[in-house]
Amino acid sequence: MKKLVLSVSFLFIATQLFAQKVEVTVQAISGLYHYSGASTTGSSSINGGSDNSLNYTNNPYGNKNGFSYGGAVQAQIIVRHGFIVGLGAAYEILKSKVDIVSYNMYNANAALINTSPITVTGRTYLQSNYINLNPYIGYRMNAGYFKLDILPGVDVGIKTETREHGKATYTEGTVYTDRSRPDKDVDLRLRIGLAATYNRIGIIASYAHGLTNFQDGMIGGVGPYEARSELMRLGISYRLF
């Protein structure tokens, strides 16, 4: 009997502490994405020849922001005293930007044709598609129907594809790039987020800084090699229940 009373008491306490309220929301997200680190750049060149399918950007890891977007589902438990434990899952299309200022033309034998870089005007976007998981903890502050959640956590970005899309023009024509750029399969980021809600509608914002070095293991050229992701998100949310 004593054991039964203790078990029921423990279950009651645990329920009160850890299962006060469950919330599920859907989110529409936009953002600005770029790379930071010693081997990122604001401007680069396109290398290639007469066949645009062979063209590539010399350094596609741009430190200029590109527009990004995605959608997410988030589930969280609000426990006593306002503490939060949650998990978000998203699909995101993230783009960084680099300006293209020159074009180096090579022949079929990989020999440089032009004696000096051809001046061009354009840009390349490095687009990475991610399935993103966001485990987090947090704290809620209440003011009537208005709620503010502070949500520190991590991003685990599982990449599905990375491609560069570039276009640059000069006096004699236009050059393009459109090719796969394999790099790290997983991007781990530290993340801090805020969510302000009124009834079921909310505004969300977050900043994430990457721990993964996309230039790790780079061979050739002059180091140091470092390119890490940075992502600022802003979006809206709707609480399903």
Protein backbone atom coordinates (compact mmCIF):
# COMPACT_ATOMS: atom_id res chain seq x y z
CA MET A 1 0.00 0.00 0.00
CA LYS A 2 2.82 2.38 0.89
CA LYS A 3 4.52 1.72 -2.45
CA LEU A 4 1.27 2.37 -4.31
CA VAL A 5 0.76 5.68 -2.51
CA LEU A 6 4.34 6.72 -3.28
CA SER A 7 3.97 5.74 -6.95
CA VAL A 8 0.70 7.66 -7.34
CA SER A 9 2.20 10.69 -5.59
CA PHE A 10 5.28 10.62 -7.84
CA LEU A 11 3.08 10.31 -10.94
CA PHE A 12 0.94 13.25 -9.80
CA ILE A 13 4.00 15.44 -9.13
CA ALA A 14 5.60 14.51 -12.46
CA THR A 15 2.38 15.29 -14.32
CA GLN A 16 2.14 18.69 -12.67
CA LEU A 17 5.78 19.48 -13.38
CA PHE A 18 6.23 18.19 -16.89
CA ALA A 19 2.89 18.11 -18.70
CA GLN A 20 1.12 21.34 -18.03
CA LYS A 21 0.38 22.26 -21.66
CA VAL A 22 1.23 21.08 -25.17
CA GLU A 23 1.28 23.47 -28.14
CA VAL A 24 1.69 22.76 -31.87
CA THR A 25 2.25 25.59 -34.38
CA VAL A 26 2.87 25.94 -38.10
CA GLN A 27 5.24 28.62 -39.36
CA ALA A 28 6.08 30.49 -42.55
CA ILE A 29 9.68 31.71 -42.48
CA SER A 30 11.80 34.18 -44.44
CA GLY A 31 15.39 35.10 -43.73
CA LEU A 32 18.80 36.42 -44.69
CA TYR A 33 21.67 33.95 -45.09
CA HIS A 34 25.40 34.34 -45.68
CA TYR A 35 28.77 32.83 -44.77
CA SER A 36 31.35 34.31 -42.41
CA GLY A 37 35.01 33.48 -41.92
CA ALA A 38 38.47 34.04 -43.38
CA SER A 39 37.79 32.35 -46.73
CA THR A 40 34.45 33.98 -47.53
CA THR A 41 34.24 36.86 -49.97
CA GLY A 42 32.04 39.66 -51.26
CA SER A 43 33.28 39.36 -54.85
CA SER A 44 34.65 36.57 -57.02
CA SER A 45 35.13 35.44 -60.62
CA ILE A 46 33.59 32.89 -62.96
CA ASN A 47 35.97 30.39 -64.54
CA GLY A 48 34.96 28.54 -67.69
CA GLY A 49 34.85 28.54 -71.44
CA SER A 50 32.54 28.50 -74.44
CA ASP A 51 30.34 25.79 -72.85
CA ASN A 52 28.38 27.29 -69.97
CA SER A 53 27.87 23.83 -68.44
CA LEU A 54 31.57 23.85 -67.45
CA ASN A 55 31.49 27.27 -65.79
CA TYR A 56 31.91 27.61 -62.04
CA THR A 57 32.37 30.37 -59.47
CA ASN A 58 35.90 30.53 -58.14
CA ASN A 59 34.71 31.14 -54.57
CA PRO A 60 30.93 30.78 -54.11
CA TYR A 61 30.97 31.27 -50.30
CA GLY A 62 29.62 34.80 -50.27
CA ASN A 63 29.52 37.02 -47.20
CA LYS A 64 26.61 38.98 -48.66
CA ASN A 65 23.04 38.12 -47.66
CA GLY A 66 20.71 36.23 -49.93
CA PHE A 67 16.96 35.90 -49.42
CA SER A 68 15.90 32.59 -47.89
CA TYR A 69 12.56 31.00 -47.03
CA GLY A 70 10.87 27.90 -45.71
CA GLY A 71 8.10 26.35 -43.63
CA ALA A 72 8.13 24.65 -40.24
CA VAL A 73 6.11 22.72 -37.68
CA GLN A 74 6.88 23.18 -33.99
CA ALA A 75 5.73 21.20 -30.93
CA GLN A 76 6.49 22.25 -27.39
CA ILE A 77 5.56 21.48 -23.79
CA ILE A 78 4.99 24.38 -21.39
CA VAL A 79 5.83 23.15 -17.90
CA ARG A 80 5.29 24.84 -14.57
CA HIS A 81 6.84 28.25 -13.92
CA GLY A 82 6.97 29.00 -17.66
CA PHE A 83 9.77 26.67 -18.75
CA ILE A 84 9.57 25.25 -22.28
CA VAL A 85 10.91 22.12 -23.97
CA GLY A 86 10.32 21.81 -27.70
CA LEU A 87 11.30 20.57 -31.13
CA GLY A 88 10.88 22.23 -34.52
CA ALA A 89 11.14 20.64 -37.96
CA ALA A 90 11.51 22.74 -41.12
CA TYR A 91 12.30 22.61 -44.80
CA GLU A 92 14.36 25.65 -45.83
CA ILE A 93 15.95 27.04 -48.97
CA LEU A 94 18.98 29.11 -47.95
CA LYS A 95 20.89 31.39 -50.33
CA SER A 96 24.10 33.37 -49.93
CA LYS A 97 25.32 35.92 -52.49
CA VAL A 98 28.64 36.92 -54.02
CA ASP A 99 29.19 39.63 -56.66
CA ILE A 100 30.87 38.51 -59.89
CA VAL A 101 33.40 41.06 -61.13
CA SER A 102 35.55 39.09 -63.61
CA TYR A 103 35.50 36.17 -66.03
CA ASN A 104 38.41 33.85 -66.83
CA MET A 105 38.01 31.99 -70.14
CA TYR A 106 39.77 28.64 -70.63
CA ASN A 107 40.07 26.42 -73.71
CA ALA A 108 39.46 22.67 -73.93
CA ASN A 109 43.00 22.00 -72.67
CA ALA A 110 42.37 24.07 -69.52
CA ALA A 111 44.68 26.82 -70.77
CA LEU A 112 43.75 30.41 -70.00
CA ILE A 113 42.71 32.24 -73.19
CA ASN A 114 42.46 35.83 -72.00
CA THR A 115 45.68 37.39 -70.74
CA SER A 116 43.84 39.39 -68.08
CA PRO A 117 40.46 38.85 -66.39
CA ILE A 118 37.47 40.07 -68.39
CA THR A 119 35.47 42.64 -66.44
CA VAL A 120 31.86 41.54 -65.93
CA THR A 121 28.89 42.52 -63.77
CA GLY A 122 26.73 39.94 -62.06
CA ARG A 123 26.26 37.70 -59.05
CA THR A 124 26.21 34.09 -57.94
CA TYR A 125 23.83 32.60 -55.41
CA LEU A 126 24.89 29.48 -53.52
CA GLN A 127 21.62 27.71 -52.70
CA SER A 128 21.45 25.00 -50.06
CA ASN A 129 18.25 23.07 -49.32
CA TYR A 130 17.93 21.75 -45.77
CA ILE A 131 15.71 19.63 -43.60
CA ASN A 132 16.27 21.41 -40.29
CA LEU A 133 15.67 20.06 -36.78
CA ASN A 134 15.60 22.52 -33.89
CA PRO A 135 15.57 21.07 -30.36
CA TYR A 136 15.35 23.84 -27.77
CA ILE A 137 14.55 24.83 -24.23
CA GLY A 138 13.13 28.16 -23.19
CA TYR A 139 11.12 30.37 -20.93
CA ARG A 140 7.71 32.04 -21.34
CA MET A 141 6.70 35.43 -20.01
CA ASN A 142 2.95 36.07 -19.83
CA ALA A 143 1.01 39.32 -19.97
CA GLY A 144 -2.64 38.36 -20.39
CA TYR A 145 -3.30 37.20 -23.94
CA PHE A 146 0.20 38.31 -24.96
CA LYS A 147 3.09 35.85 -24.53
CA LEU A 148 6.83 36.16 -25.17
CA ASP A 149 8.97 33.01 -25.46
CA ILE A 150 12.77 33.09 -25.25
CA LEU A 151 14.08 29.99 -27.04
CA PRO A 152 17.80 29.08 -27.04
CA GLY A 153 18.65 25.86 -28.85
CA VAL A 154 20.50 24.34 -31.79
CA ASP A 155 19.88 23.78 -35.49
CA VAL A 156 20.75 20.44 -37.05
CA GLY A 157 20.58 21.16 -40.77
CA ILE A 158 20.51 18.02 -42.94
CA LYS A 159 21.37 19.05 -46.48
CA THR A 160 19.48 17.65 -49.46
CA GLU A 161 21.27 19.66 -52.21
CA THR A 162 23.65 22.56 -52.84
CA ARG A 163 23.85 24.32 -56.20
CA GLU A 164 25.32 27.57 -57.44
CA HIS A 165 23.32 29.78 -59.80
CA GLY A 166 25.30 32.61 -61.38
CA LYS A 167 24.91 35.16 -64.15
CA ALA A 168 27.27 37.90 -65.33
CA THR A 169 27.28 40.16 -68.39
CA TYR A 170 30.05 41.90 -70.35
CA THR A 171 30.38 43.68 -73.70
CA GLU A 172 30.48 40.44 -75.71
CA GLY A 173 27.73 38.49 -74.01
CA THR A 174 26.54 36.72 -70.86
CA VAL A 175 28.03 33.87 -68.86
CA TYR A 176 26.09 31.53 -66.57
CA THR A 177 26.81 28.97 -63.88
CA ASP A 178 24.41 26.26 -62.76
CA ARG A 179 26.09 23.31 -61.11
CA SER A 180 26.11 21.17 -57.99
CA ARG A 181 28.58 22.15 -55.27
CA PRO A 182 28.87 19.24 -52.82
CA ASP A 183 30.16 20.15 -49.36
CA LYS A 184 29.19 19.27 -45.78
CA ASP A 185 26.09 17.10 -45.40
CA VAL A 186 25.17 18.47 -41.95
CA ASP A 187 25.35 22.03 -40.65
CA LEU A 188 25.24 22.37 -36.85
CA ARG A 189 24.34 25.86 -35.59
CA LEU A 190 23.78 27.56 -32.25
CA ARG A 191 20.45 29.37 -32.25
CA ILE A 192 18.59 31.92 -30.14
CA GLY A 193 14.94 32.64 -30.91
CA LEU A 194 12.04 34.82 -29.81
CA ALA A 195 8.34 34.18 -30.30
CA ALA A 196 5.68 36.78 -29.52
CA THR A 197 2.08 35.55 -29.67
CA TYR A 198 -1.37 36.99 -29.21
CA ASN A 199 -4.06 34.32 -28.94
CA ARG A 200 -3.14 31.94 -31.80
CA ILE A 201 -1.16 34.32 -34.05
CA GLY A 202 2.55 34.96 -33.52
CA ILE A 203 5.68 36.63 -34.84
CA ILE A 204 8.94 34.69 -34.65
CA ALA A 205 12.55 35.80 -35.02
CA SER A 206 15.85 34.00 -34.54
CA TYR A 207 19.58 34.15 -35.22
CA ALA A 208 21.75 31.09 -35.86
CA HIS A 209 25.55 30.89 -36.11
CA GLY A 210 27.13 27.83 -37.70
CA LEU A 211 29.69 25.63 -36.00
CA THR A 212 30.40 23.62 -39.16
CA ASN A 213 33.37 24.81 -41.24
CA PHE A 214 32.43 24.36 -44.91
CA GLN A 215 36.04 24.91 -45.99
CA ASP A 216 37.52 22.35 -43.59
CA GLY A 217 39.90 20.06 -45.48
CA MET A 218 40.34 22.50 -48.38
CA ILE A 219 43.51 21.80 -50.38
CA GLY A 220 45.46 24.32 -52.46
CA GLY A 221 45.56 28.09 -52.46
CA VAL A 222 46.38 30.12 -49.41
CA GLY A 223 44.64 29.55 -46.03
CA PRO A 224 43.28 29.87 -43.45
CA TYR A 225 40.14 28.11 -44.66
CA GLU A 226 36.98 28.99 -42.80
CA ALA A 227 33.38 29.49 -43.95
CA ARG A 228 30.53 29.20 -41.44
CA SER A 229 26.84 29.86 -41.96
CA GLU A 230 24.89 32.73 -40.43
CA LEU A 231 21.12 32.92 -40.68
CA MET A 232 18.62 35.52 -39.48
CA ARG A 233 14.99 34.38 -39.62
CA LEU A 234 11.71 36.28 -39.40
CA GLY A 235 8.30 34.73 -39.80
CA ILE A 236 4.72 34.27 -38.67
CA SER A 237 3.13 31.39 -36.79
CA TYR A 238 -0.31 29.97 -36.13
CA ARG A 239 -1.04 27.77 -33.13
CA LEU A 240 -3.14 24.73 -34.08
CA PHE A 241 -3.73 23.77 -30.44
